[in-house]
PDB file of N, CA and C in Angstrom:
ATOM      1  N   UNK A   1       9.540   8.683  14.739  1.00  0.00           N
ATOM      2  CA  UNK A   1       8.027   9.615  14.629  1.00  0.00           C
ATOM      3  C   UNK A   1       7.105   8.662  13.435  1.00  0.00           C
ATOM      4  N   UNK A   2       5.979   8.317  13.801  1.00  0.00           N
ATOM      5  CA  UNK A   2       4.999   7.520  12.880  1.00  0.00           C
ATOM      6  C   UNK A   2       5.099   8.222  11.688  1.00  0.00           C
ATOM      7  N   UNK A   3       5.189   7.139  10.616  1.00  0.00           N
ATOM      8  CA  UNK A   3       4.636   7.577   8.976  1.00  0.00           C
ATOM      9  C   UNK A   3       3.820   6.848   8.478  1.00  0.00           C
ATOM     10  N   UNK A   4       3.003   7.381   7.511  1.00  0.00           N
ATOM     11  CA  UNK A   4       2.127   6.890   6.763  1.00  0.00           C
ATOM     12  C   UNK A   4       2.327   6.769   5.059  1.00  0.00           C
ATOM     13  N   UNK A   5       2.018   5.544   4.974  1.00  0.00           N
ATOM     14  CA  UNK A   5       1.892   5.184   3.555  1.00  0.00           C
ATOM     15  C   UNK A   5       0.573   5.345   2.887  1.00  0.00           C
ATOM     16  N   UNK A   6       0.279   6.149   1.942  1.00  0.00           N
ATOM     17  CA  UNK A   6      -1.093   6.365   1.282  1.00  0.00           C
ATOM     18  C   UNK A   6      -0.983   5.783  -0.103  1.00  0.00           C
ATOM     19  N   UNK A   7      -1.644   4.299  -0.376  1.00  0.00           N
ATOM     20  CA  UNK A   7      -1.549   4.238  -2.016  1.00  0.00           C
ATOM     21  C   UNK A   7      -3.024   4.206  -2.656  1.00  0.00           C
ATOM     22  N   UNK A   8      -2.826   4.580  -3.769  1.00  0.00           N
ATOM     23  CA  UNK A   8      -3.883   4.700  -4.659  1.00  0.00           C
ATOM     24  C   UNK A   8      -3.898   3.699  -5.812  1.00  0.00           C
ATOM     25  N   UNK A   9      -4.746   2.718  -5.937  1.00  0.00           N
ATOM     26  CA  UNK A   9      -4.381   1.567  -6.663  1.00  0.00           C
ATOM     27  C   UNK A   9      -5.885   1.275  -7.899  1.00  0.00           C
ATOM     28  N   UNK A  10      -5.535   0.845  -8.973  1.00  0.00           N
ATOM     29  CA  UNK A  10      -6.096   0.778 -10.105  1.00  0.00           C
ATOM     30  C   UNK A  10      -6.224  -0.471 -10.378  1.00  0.00           C
ATOM     31  N   UNK A  11      -7.136  -1.662  -9.931  1.00  0.00           N
ATOM     32  CA  UNK A  11      -6.681  -2.778 -10.263  1.00  0.00           C
ATOM     33  C   UNK A  11      -7.471  -3.179 -11.497  1.00  0.00           C
ATOM     34  N   UNK A  12      -6.735  -3.912 -12.402  1.00  0.00           N
ATOM     35  CA  UNK A  12      -6.888  -4.419 -13.723  1.00  0.00           C
ATOM     36  C   UNK A  12      -7.114  -5.800 -13.821  1.00  0.00           C
ATOM     37  N   UNK A  13      -6.605  -6.445 -12.978  1.00  0.00           N
ATOM     38  CA  UNK A  13      -6.692  -7.799 -13.354  1.00  0.00           C
ATOM     39  C   UNK A  13      -6.836  -8.457 -11.717  1.00  0.00           C
ATOM     40  N   UNK A  14      -8.051  -8.800 -11.232  1.00  0.00           N
ATOM     41  CA  UNK A  14      -8.484  -9.098  -9.808  1.00  0.00           C
ATOM     42  C   UNK A  14      -7.846 -10.148  -9.300  1.00  0.00           C
ATOM     43  N   UNK A  15      -7.890 -11.270 -10.224  1.00  0.00           N
ATOM     44  CA  UNK A  15      -7.278 -12.274  -9.871  1.00  0.00           C
ATOM     45  C   UNK A  15      -5.641 -12.748  -9.643  1.00  0.00           C
ATOM     46  N   UNK A  16      -4.906 -11.966 -10.380  1.00  0.00           N
ATOM     47  CA  UNK A  16      -3.577 -12.111  -9.815  1.00  0.00           C
ATOM     48  C   UNK A  16      -3.395 -10.702  -9.096  1.00  0.00           C
ATOM     49  N   UNK A  17      -4.223  -9.996  -8.767  1.00  0.00           N
ATOM     50  CA  UNK A  17      -4.113  -9.063  -7.734  1.00  0.00           C
ATOM     51  C   UNK A  17      -4.140  -9.641  -6.272  1.00  0.00           C
ATOM     52  N   UNK A  18      -4.993 -10.414  -6.224  1.00  0.00           N
ATOM     53  CA  UNK A  18      -5.388 -11.539  -5.268  1.00  0.00           C
ATOM     54  C   UNK A  18      -4.009 -11.855  -4.314  1.00  0.00           C
ATOM     55  N   UNK A  19      -2.968 -12.403  -5.312  1.00  0.00           N
ATOM     56  CA  UNK A  19      -2.081 -12.981  -5.434  1.00  0.00           C
ATOM     57  C   UNK A  19      -0.808 -11.984  -4.567  1.00  0.00           C
ATOM     58  N   UNK A  20      -1.095 -10.751  -4.989  1.00  0.00           N
ATOM     59  CA  UNK A  20      -0.297  -9.554  -4.200  1.00  0.00           C
ATOM     60  C   UNK A  20      -0.571  -9.480  -2.953  1.00  0.00           C
ATOM     61  N   UNK A  21      -2.065  -9.226  -2.443  1.00  0.00           N
ATOM     62  CA  UNK A  21      -2.681  -8.971  -1.418  1.00  0.00           C
ATOM     63  C   UNK A  21      -2.433 -10.180  -0.461  1.00  0.00           C
ATOM     64  N   UNK A  22      -2.136 -11.250  -0.656  1.00  0.00           N
ATOM     65  CA  UNK A  22      -2.018 -12.437   0.255  1.00  0.00           C
ATOM     66  C   UNK A  22      -0.769 -12.614   0.729  1.00  0.00           C
ATOM     67  N   UNK A  23       0.227 -12.085  -0.192  1.00  0.00           N
ATOM     68  CA  UNK A  23       1.420 -12.099   0.570  1.00  0.00           C
ATOM     69  C   UNK A  23       2.055 -10.769   1.194  1.00  0.00           C
ATOM     70  N   UNK A  24       1.391  -9.561   1.001  1.00  0.00           N
ATOM     71  CA  UNK A  24       2.035  -8.334   1.516  1.00  0.00           C
ATOM     72  C   UNK A  24       1.849  -8.255   3.189  1.00  0.00           C
ATOM     73  N   UNK A  25       0.697  -8.692   3.837  1.00  0.00           N
ATOM     74  CA  UNK A  25       0.797  -8.520   5.261  1.00  0.00           C
ATOM     75  C   UNK A  25       1.585  -8.580   5.907  1.00  0.00           C
ATOM     76  N   UNK A  26       2.485  -9.952   5.588  1.00  0.00           N
ATOM     77  CA  UNK A  26       3.459 -10.604   6.637  1.00  0.00           C
ATOM     78  C   UNK A  26       4.906  -9.730   6.052  1.00  0.00           C
ATOM     79  N   UNK A  27       4.842  -9.104   4.977  1.00  0.00           N
ATOM     80  CA  UNK A  27       6.253  -8.359   4.719  1.00  0.00           C
ATOM     81  C   UNK A  27       6.010  -7.118   5.337  1.00  0.00           C
ATOM     82  N   UNK A  28       4.775  -6.295   5.167  1.00  0.00           N
ATOM     83  CA  UNK A  28       4.574  -5.422   6.218  1.00  0.00           C
ATOM     84  C   UNK A  28       4.480  -5.456   7.761  1.00  0.00           C
ATOM     85  N   UNK A  29       3.966  -6.508   8.368  1.00  0.00           N
ATOM     86  CA  UNK A  29       4.342  -6.567   9.480  1.00  0.00           C
ATOM     87  C   UNK A  29       5.821  -6.864   9.908  1.00  0.00           C
ATOM     88  N   UNK A  30       6.676  -7.299   9.255  1.00  0.00           N
ATOM     89  CA  UNK A  30       8.073  -7.574   9.043  1.00  0.00           C
ATOM     90  C   UNK A  30       8.921  -6.362   9.621  1.00  0.00           C
ATOM     91  N   UNK A  31       8.578  -5.110   8.847  1.00  0.00           N
ATOM     92  CA  UNK A  31       9.027  -4.242   9.086  1.00  0.00           C
ATOM     93  C   UNK A  31       8.304  -3.158  10.037  1.00  0.00           C
ATOM     94  N   UNK A  32       7.475  -3.707  10.902  1.00  0.00           N
ATOM     95  CA  UNK A  32       6.576  -3.032  11.925  1.00  0.00           C
ATOM     96  C   UNK A  32       5.425  -2.237  11.533  1.00  0.00           C
ATOM     97  N   UNK A  33       5.000  -2.639  10.336  1.00  0.00           N
ATOM     98  CA  UNK A  33       3.873  -1.679   9.809  1.00  0.00           C
ATOM     99  C   UNK A  33       2.744  -2.657   9.900  1.00  0.00           C
ATOM    100  N   UNK A  34       1.585  -1.884   9.784  1.00  0.00           N
ATOM    101  CA  UNK A  34       0.267  -2.330   9.786  1.00  0.00           C
ATOM    102  C   UNK A  34      -0.684  -1.678   9.072  1.00  0.00           C
ATOM    103  N   UNK A  35      -1.818  -2.241   8.585  1.00  0.00           N
ATOM    104  CA  UNK A  35      -3.035  -1.803   7.933  1.00  0.00           C
ATOM    105  C   UNK A  35      -3.674  -0.858   8.680  1.00  0.00           C
ATOM    106  N   UNK A  36      -3.968   0.297   8.151  1.00  0.00           N
ATOM    107  CA  UNK A  36      -4.889   1.146   8.751  1.00  0.00           C
ATOM    108  C   UNK A  36      -6.506   0.959   8.123  1.00  0.00           C
ATOM    109  N   UNK A  37      -6.013   0.909   6.563  1.00  0.00           N
ATOM    110  CA  UNK A  37      -7.161   1.014   5.833  1.00  0.00           C
ATOM    111  C   UNK A  37      -6.832   0.044   4.696  1.00  0.00           C
ATOM    112  N   UNK A  38      -7.816  -0.771   4.078  1.00  0.00           N
ATOM    113  CA  UNK A  38      -7.153  -1.772   2.973  1.00  0.00           C
ATOM    114  C   UNK A  38      -8.135  -1.960   2.218  1.00  0.00           C
ATOM    115  N   UNK A  39      -8.746  -0.775   1.174  1.00  0.00           N
ATOM    116  CA  UNK A  39      -9.573  -0.948   0.137  1.00  0.00           C
ATOM    117  C   UNK A  39     -11.024  -1.023   0.657  1.00  0.00           C
ATOM    118  N   UNK A  40     -11.151  -0.581   1.422  1.00  0.00           N
ATOM    119  CA  UNK A  40     -13.000  -0.005   2.302  1.00  0.00           C
ATOM    120  C   UNK A  40     -13.494   0.849   1.476  1.00  0.00           C
ATOM    121  N   UNK A  41     -14.706   1.022   1.742  1.00  0.00           N
ATOM    122  CA  UNK A  41     -15.580   2.001   1.120  1.00  0.00           C
ATOM    123  C   UNK A  41     -15.329   3.294   1.177  1.00  0.00           C
ATOM    124  N   UNK A  42     -14.967   4.121   0.263  1.00  0.00           N
ATOM    125  CA  UNK A  42     -14.483   5.523   0.191  1.00  0.00           C
ATOM    126  C   UNK A  42     -15.670   6.436   0.042  1.00  0.00           C
ATOM    127  N   UNK A  43     -15.582   7.741   0.368  1.00  0.00           N
ATOM    128  CA  UNK A  43     -16.455   8.760  -0.288  1.00  0.00           C
ATOM    129  C   UNK A  43     -15.710   9.896  -0.551  1.00  0.00           C
ATOM    130  N   UNK A  44     -15.952  10.601  -1.551  1.00  0.00           N
ATOM    131  CA  UNK A  44     -14.933  11.795  -2.098  1.00  0.00           C
ATOM    132  C   UNK A  44     -15.979  12.863  -1.722  1.00  0.00           C
ATOM    133  N   UNK A  45     -14.908  13.414  -0.684  1.00  0.00           N
ATOM    134  CA  UNK A  45     -15.815  15.064  -0.200  1.00  0.00           C
ATOM    135  C   UNK A  45     -15.371  16.146  -0.786  1.00  0.00           C
ATOM    136  N   UNK A  46     -14.297  15.985  -1.664  1.00  0.00           N
ATOM    137  CA  UNK A  46     -13.643  17.161  -2.290  1.00  0.00           C
ATOM    138  C   UNK A  46     -12.881  16.973  -3.393  1.00  0.00           C
ATOM    139  N   UNK A  47     -13.083  17.521  -4.869  1.00  0.00           N
ATOM    140  CA  UNK A  47     -12.218  17.219  -5.576  1.00  0.00           C
ATOM    141  C   UNK A  47     -12.722  16.078  -6.886  1.00  0.00           C
ATOM    142  N   UNK A  48     -11.993  15.360  -7.610  1.00  0.00           N
ATOM    143  CA  UNK A  48     -12.666  14.617  -8.366  1.00  0.00           C
ATOM    144  C   UNK A  48     -12.729  13.409  -7.369  1.00  0.00           C
ATOM    145  N   UNK A  49     -13.937  12.659  -8.371  1.00  0.00           N
ATOM    146  CA  UNK A  49     -14.107  11.205  -7.275  1.00  0.00           C
ATOM    147  C   UNK A  49     -12.986  10.258  -7.524  1.00  0.00           C
ATOM    148  N   UNK A  50     -12.843   9.889  -6.092  1.00  0.00           N
ATOM    149  CA  UNK A  50     -11.545   8.712  -6.588  1.00  0.00           C
ATOM    150  C   UNK A  50     -12.283   7.617  -6.430  1.00  0.00           C
ATOM    151  N   UNK A  51     -12.111   7.037  -7.384  1.00  0.00           N
ATOM    152  CA  UNK A  51     -12.442   5.448  -7.894  1.00  0.00           C
ATOM    153  C   UNK A  51     -11.513   4.337  -7.469  1.00  0.00           C
ATOM    154  N   UNK A  52     -10.330   4.616  -7.233  1.00  0.00           N
ATOM    155  CA  UNK A  52      -9.245   3.510  -7.039  1.00  0.00           C
ATOM    156  C   UNK A  52      -9.181   2.887  -5.431  1.00  0.00           C
ATOM    157  N   UNK A  53      -8.937   1.892  -5.380  1.00  0.00           N
ATOM    158  CA  UNK A  53      -8.451   1.310  -3.996  1.00  0.00           C
ATOM    159  C   UNK A  53      -7.636   2.256  -3.429  1.00  0.00           C
ATOM    160  N   UNK A  54      -7.934   2.347  -2.116  1.00  0.00           N
ATOM    161  CA  UNK A  54      -7.186   3.545  -1.256  1.00  0.00           C
ATOM    162  C   UNK A  54      -6.496   2.676  -0.065  1.00  0.00           C
ATOM    163  N   UNK A  55      -5.421   2.504   0.149  1.00  0.00           N
ATOM    164  CA  UNK A  55      -4.639   1.778   1.131  1.00  0.00           C
ATOM    165  C   UNK A  55      -3.938   2.710   2.348  1.00  0.00           C
ATOM    166  N   UNK A  56      -3.921   2.585   3.512  1.00  0.00           N
ATOM    167  CA  UNK A  56      -3.343   3.396   4.307  1.00  0.00           C
ATOM    168  C   UNK A  56      -2.542   2.502   5.011  1.00  0.00           C
ATOM    169  N   UNK A  57      -1.188   2.708   5.285  1.00  0.00           N
ATOM    170  CA  UNK A  57      -0.330   1.736   6.051  1.00  0.00           C
ATOM    171  C   UNK A  57       0.535   2.612   7.191  1.00  0.00           C
ATOM    172  N   UNK A  58       0.669   2.238   8.275  1.00  0.00           N
ATOM    173  CA  UNK A  58       1.337   2.885   9.252  1.00  0.00           C
ATOM    174  C   UNK A  58       2.581   2.127   9.642  1.00  0.00           C
ATOM    175  N   UNK A  59       3.502   2.810   9.839  1.00  0.00           N
ATOM    176  CA  UNK A  59       5.050   2.591  10.019  1.00  0.00           C
ATOM    177  C   UNK A  59       5.388   3.166  11.303  1.00  0.00           C
ATOM    178  N   UNK A  60       6.521   2.507  12.235  1.00  0.00           N
ATOM    179  CA  UNK A  60       7.183   3.245  12.925  1.00  0.00           C
ATOM    180  C   UNK A  60       7.781   4.711  13.036  1.00  0.00           C
ATOM    181  N   UNK A  61       8.241   4.624  11.587  1.00  0.00           N
ATOM    182  CA  UNK A  61       9.172   5.689  11.154  1.00  0.00           C
ATOM    183  C   UNK A  61       9.419   6.051   9.721  1.00  0.00           C
ATOM    184  N   UNK A  62       9.561   7.230   9.172  1.00  0.00           N
ATOM    185  CA  UNK A  62       9.639   7.556   7.601  1.00  0.00           C
ATOM    186  C   UNK A  62      10.926   6.378   7.343  1.00  0.00           C
ATOM    187  N   UNK A  63      11.663   6.225   7.742  1.00  0.00           N
ATOM    188  CA  UNK A  63      12.808   5.550   7.370  1.00  0.00           C
ATOM    189  C   UNK A  63      12.414   4.116   7.270  1.00  0.00           C
ATOM    190  N   UNK A  64      11.471   3.473   8.438  1.00  0.00           N
ATOM    191  CA  UNK A  64      11.361   2.152   8.451  1.00  0.00           C
ATOM    192  C   UNK A  64      10.321   1.715   7.107  1.00  0.00           C
ATOM    193  N   UNK A  65       9.518   2.822   6.614  1.00  0.00           N
ATOM    194  CA  UNK A  65       8.580   2.652   5.719  1.00  0.00           C
ATOM    195  C   UNK A  65       9.082   2.547   4.395  1.00  0.00           C
ATOM    196  N   UNK A  66      10.338   3.526   4.430  1.00  0.00           N
ATOM    197  CA  UNK A  66      11.113   3.419   2.982  1.00  0.00           C
ATOM    198  C   UNK A  66      11.561   2.110   2.710  1.00  0.00           C
ATOM    199  N   UNK A  67      12.590   1.582   3.922  1.00  0.00           N
ATOM    200  CA  UNK A  67      12.949   0.252   3.920  1.00  0.00           C
ATOM    201  C   UNK A  67      12.146  -0.560   3.682  1.00  0.00           C
ATOM    202  N   UNK A  68      10.886  -0.750   4.225  1.00  0.00           N
ATOM    203  CA  UNK A  68       9.733  -1.901   3.686  1.00  0.00           C
ATOM    204  C   UNK A  68       9.741  -1.905   2.008  1.00  0.00           C
ATOM    205  N   UNK A  69       9.652  -0.620   1.707  1.00  0.00           N
ATOM    206  CA  UNK A  69       9.114  -0.097   0.362  1.00  0.00           C
ATOM    207  C   UNK A  69      10.439  -0.703  -0.575  1.00  0.00           C
ATOM    208  N   UNK A  70      11.514  -0.623  -0.148  1.00  0.00           N
ATOM    209  CA  UNK A  70      12.898  -0.956  -1.075  1.00  0.00           C
ATOM    210  C   UNK A  70      13.232  -2.489  -0.672  1.00  0.00           C
ATOM    211  N   UNK A  71      12.454  -2.882   0.014  1.00  0.00           N
ATOM    212  CA  UNK A  71      13.342  -4.219   0.731  1.00  0.00           C
ATOM    213  C   UNK A  71      13.053  -5.468  -0.505  1.00  0.00           C
ATOM    214  N   UNK A  72      14.116  -6.449  -0.606  1.00  0.00           N
ATOM    215  CA  UNK A  72      14.290  -7.567  -1.468  1.00  0.00           C
ATOM    216  C   UNK A  72      12.391  -8.007  -1.425  1.00  0.00           C
ATOM    217  N   UNK A  73      12.265  -8.254  -0.099  1.00  0.00           N
ATOM    218  CA  UNK A  73      10.879  -9.157   0.179  1.00  0.00           C
ATOM    219  C   UNK A  73       9.545  -8.424  -0.344  1.00  0.00           C
ATOM    220  N   UNK A  74       9.825  -7.262  -0.294  1.00  0.00           N
ATOM    221  CA  UNK A  74       8.461  -6.542  -1.230  1.00  0.00           C
ATOM    222  C   UNK A  74       8.650  -6.040  -2.551  1.00  0.00           C
ATOM    223  N   UNK A  75       9.918  -5.839  -2.617  1.00  0.00           N
ATOM    224  CA  UNK A  75      10.193  -5.844  -4.320  1.00  0.00           C
ATOM    225  C   UNK A  75       9.722  -7.025  -5.177  1.00  0.00           C
ATOM    226  N   UNK A  76       9.859  -8.479  -4.405  1.00  0.00           N
ATOM    227  CA  UNK A  76       9.526  -9.417  -5.002  1.00  0.00           C
ATOM    228  C   UNK A  76       7.870  -9.659  -5.027  1.00  0.00           C
ATOM    229  N   UNK A  77       7.263  -9.047  -3.982  1.00  0.00           N
ATOM    230  CA  UNK A  77       5.901  -9.169  -4.044  1.00  0.00           C
ATOM    231  C   UNK A  77       5.069  -8.104  -5.037  1.00  0.00           C
ATOM    232  N   UNK A  78       5.872  -7.021  -4.837  1.00  0.00           N
ATOM    233  CA  UNK A  78       5.270  -6.193  -6.215  1.00  0.00           C
ATOM    234  C   UNK A  78       5.401  -6.688  -7.333  1.00  0.00           C
ATOM    235  N   UNK A  79       6.211  -7.785  -7.787  1.00  0.00           N
ATOM    236  CA  UNK A  79       6.323  -8.137  -9.110  1.00  0.00           C
ATOM    237  C   UNK A  79       4.820  -8.773  -9.587  1.00  0.00           C
ATOM    238  N   UNK A  80       4.103  -9.331  -8.179  1.00  0.00           N
ATOM    239  CA  UNK A  80       3.019 -10.168  -8.508  1.00  0.00           C
ATOM    240  C   UNK A  80       2.006  -9.110  -8.698  1.00  0.00           C
ATOM    241  N   UNK A  81       1.826  -7.858  -8.525  1.00  0.00           N
ATOM    242  CA  UNK A  81       1.138  -6.633  -9.062  1.00  0.00           C
ATOM    243  C   UNK A  81       1.178  -6.180 -10.051  1.00  0.00           C
ATOM    244  N   UNK A  82       2.389  -6.265 -11.031  1.00  0.00           N
ATOM    245  CA  UNK A  82       2.776  -5.793 -12.518  1.00  0.00           C
ATOM    246  C   UNK A  82       1.533  -6.479 -13.228  1.00  0.00           C
ATOM    247  N   UNK A  83       1.382  -5.579 -14.097  1.00  0.00           N
ATOM    248  CA  UNK A  83       0.368  -6.114 -15.042  1.00  0.00           C
ATOM    249  C   UNK A  83      -1.172  -6.221 -14.499  1.00  0.00           C
ATOM    250  N   UNK A  84      -1.419  -6.242 -13.092  1.00  0.00           N
ATOM    251  CA  UNK A  84      -2.731  -6.493 -12.519  1.00  0.00           C
ATOM    252  C   UNK A  84      -3.131  -5.071 -11.747  1.00  0.00           C
ATOM    253  N   UNK A  85      -2.287  -4.149 -11.642  1.00  0.00           N
ATOM    254  CA  UNK A  85      -2.628  -2.818 -11.170  1.00  0.00           C
ATOM    255  C   UNK A  85      -1.847  -1.898 -11.308  1.00  0.00           C
ATOM    256  N   UNK A  86      -2.255  -0.414 -11.284  1.00  0.00           N
ATOM    257  CA  UNK A  86      -1.500   0.494 -11.374  1.00  0.00           C
ATOM    258  C   UNK A  86      -1.434   1.381 -10.222  1.00  0.00           C
ATOM    259  N   UNK A  87      -0.264   1.857  -9.440  1.00  0.00           N
ATOM    260  CA  UNK A  87      -0.415   2.365  -7.922  1.00  0.00           C
ATOM    261  C   UNK A  87       0.387   3.411  -8.152  1.00  0.00           C
ATOM    262  N   UNK A  88      -0.048   4.177  -6.993  1.00  0.00           N
ATOM    263  CA  UNK A  88       0.895   5.313  -6.431  1.00  0.00           C
ATOM    264  C   UNK A  88       0.913   5.270  -5.018  1.00  0.00           C
ATOM    265  N   UNK A  89       2.223   5.422  -4.761  1.00  0.00           N
ATOM    266  CA  UNK A  89       2.579   5.347  -3.232  1.00  0.00           C
ATOM    267  C   UNK A  89       3.259   6.695  -2.800  1.00  0.00           C
ATOM    268  N   UNK A  90       2.776   7.035  -1.626  1.00  0.00           N
ATOM    269  CA  UNK A  90       3.360   8.001  -0.800  1.00  0.00           C
ATOM    270  C   UNK A  90       3.510   8.042   0.381  1.00  0.00           C
ATOM    271  N   UNK A  91       4.460   8.246   1.139  1.00  0.00           N
ATOM    272  CA  UNK A  91       4.763   8.155   2.493  1.00  0.00           C
ATOM    273  C   UNK A  91       4.834   9.819   2.983  1.00  0.00           C
ATOM    274  N   UNK A  92       4.258  10.019   4.275  1.00  0.00           N
ATOM    275  CA  UNK A  92       4.352  11.023   5.002  1.00  0.00           C
ATOM    276  C   UNK A  92       4.670  10.589   6.440  1.00  0.00           C
ATOM    277  N   UNK A  93       5.381  11.822   6.966  1.00  0.00           N
ATOM    278  CA  UNK A  93       5.998  11.594   8.573  1.00  0.00           C
ATOM    279  C   UNK A  93       4.286  11.873   9.263  1.00  0.00           C
ATOM    280  N   UNK A  94       4.045  11.291  10.486  1.00  0.00           N
ATOM    281  CA  UNK A  94       2.751  11.768  10.846  1.00  0.00           C
ATOM    282  C   UNK A  94       3.367  12.886  12.008  1.00  0.00           C
ATOM    283  N   UNK A  95       2.392  13.520  12.843  1.00  0.00           N
ATOM    284  CA  UNK A  95       2.852  14.105  13.859  1.00  0.00           C
ATOM    285  C   UNK A  95       3.480  13.962  15.165  1.00  0.00           C
TER     286      UNK A  95
END
Protein backbone atom coordinates (compact mmCIF):
# COMPACT_ATOMS: atom_id res chain seq x y z
CA UNK A 1 0.00 0.00 0.00
CA UNK A 2 1.34 3.43 -0.95
CA UNK A 3 2.60 5.65 1.86
CA UNK A 4 3.25 9.36 2.10
CA UNK A 5 5.77 11.36 4.06
CA UNK A 6 4.73 14.89 4.97
CA UNK A 7 7.60 17.15 5.97
CA UNK A 8 7.31 20.66 7.34
CA UNK A 9 10.62 22.46 7.37
CA UNK A 10 11.73 25.79 8.80
CA UNK A 11 14.83 26.73 6.80
CA UNK A 12 17.26 28.89 8.75
CA UNK A 13 20.35 28.73 6.48
CA UNK A 14 19.38 28.68 2.82
CA UNK A 15 22.89 28.11 1.44
CA UNK A 16 23.55 25.10 3.68
CA UNK A 17 20.04 23.75 3.02
CA UNK A 18 20.72 23.80 -0.73
CA UNK A 19 23.43 21.17 -0.14
CA UNK A 20 20.84 18.92 1.50
CA UNK A 21 18.24 19.31 -1.25
CA UNK A 22 20.88 18.59 -3.90
CA UNK A 23 21.52 15.07 -2.60
CA UNK A 24 18.10 13.87 -1.43
CA UNK A 25 16.31 13.22 -4.77
CA UNK A 26 18.60 10.34 -5.75
CA UNK A 27 18.35 8.74 -2.33
CA UNK A 28 14.55 9.00 -2.34
CA UNK A 29 14.40 7.52 -5.84
CA UNK A 30 16.65 4.59 -4.84
CA UNK A 31 13.98 3.54 -2.31
CA UNK A 32 11.17 3.77 -4.88
CA UNK A 33 10.05 7.19 -3.66
CA UNK A 34 9.19 10.34 -5.52
CA UNK A 35 8.37 13.95 -4.77
CA UNK A 36 4.69 14.94 -5.01
CA UNK A 37 5.28 18.50 -3.72
CA UNK A 38 8.56 20.16 -2.86
CA UNK A 39 8.32 23.58 -1.27
CA UNK A 40 5.83 25.14 -3.66
CA UNK A 41 3.31 27.84 -2.87
CA UNK A 42 0.99 27.02 0.04
CA UNK A 43 -2.28 28.50 1.20
CA UNK A 44 -3.54 27.83 4.72
CA UNK A 45 -7.24 27.06 4.56
CA UNK A 46 -7.83 26.40 8.26
CA UNK A 47 -5.87 26.75 11.47
CA UNK A 48 -2.67 28.68 12.12
CA UNK A 49 -0.92 29.92 8.99
CA UNK A 50 1.70 27.44 7.75
CA UNK A 51 4.88 29.35 7.02
CA UNK A 52 7.24 26.38 6.80
CA UNK A 53 8.38 24.65 3.62
CA UNK A 54 6.06 21.73 2.94
CA UNK A 55 7.30 18.60 1.16
CA UNK A 56 5.21 15.56 0.22
CA UNK A 57 6.89 12.28 -0.74
CA UNK A 58 5.28 9.10 -2.04
CA UNK A 59 6.71 5.62 -1.42
CA UNK A 60 5.46 2.19 -2.49
CA UNK A 61 4.80 1.19 1.14
CA UNK A 62 5.01 2.41 4.72
CA UNK A 63 7.87 -0.01 5.31
CA UNK A 64 9.82 1.36 2.34
CA UNK A 65 9.34 4.94 3.55
CA UNK A 66 10.66 4.03 6.99
CA UNK A 67 13.58 2.14 5.40
CA UNK A 68 14.44 5.27 3.39
CA UNK A 69 14.36 7.52 6.44
CA UNK A 70 16.50 5.16 8.52
CA UNK A 71 18.93 4.33 5.71
CA UNK A 72 22.62 5.13 6.01
CA UNK A 73 22.36 7.19 2.82
CA UNK A 74 19.59 9.42 4.08
CA UNK A 75 21.05 9.76 7.56
CA UNK A 76 24.27 11.03 5.97
CA UNK A 77 22.28 13.52 3.86
CA UNK A 78 20.30 14.56 6.93
CA UNK A 79 23.54 15.74 8.54
CA UNK A 80 23.73 18.41 5.81
CA UNK A 81 20.39 19.75 7.09
CA UNK A 82 21.57 20.04 10.69
CA UNK A 83 21.98 23.68 11.63
CA UNK A 84 20.29 24.75 8.39
CA UNK A 85 16.68 23.76 9.14
CA UNK A 86 14.33 22.37 11.74
CA UNK A 87 12.01 19.71 10.41
CA UNK A 88 9.03 17.56 11.27
CA UNK A 89 8.50 14.36 9.25
CA UNK A 90 5.48 12.06 9.50
CA UNK A 91 4.59 9.04 7.42
CA UNK A 92 1.06 7.81 6.78
CA UNK A 93 -0.30 4.87 4.84
CA UNK A 94 -2.40 5.69 1.80
CA UNK A 95 -5.76 4.20 0.90
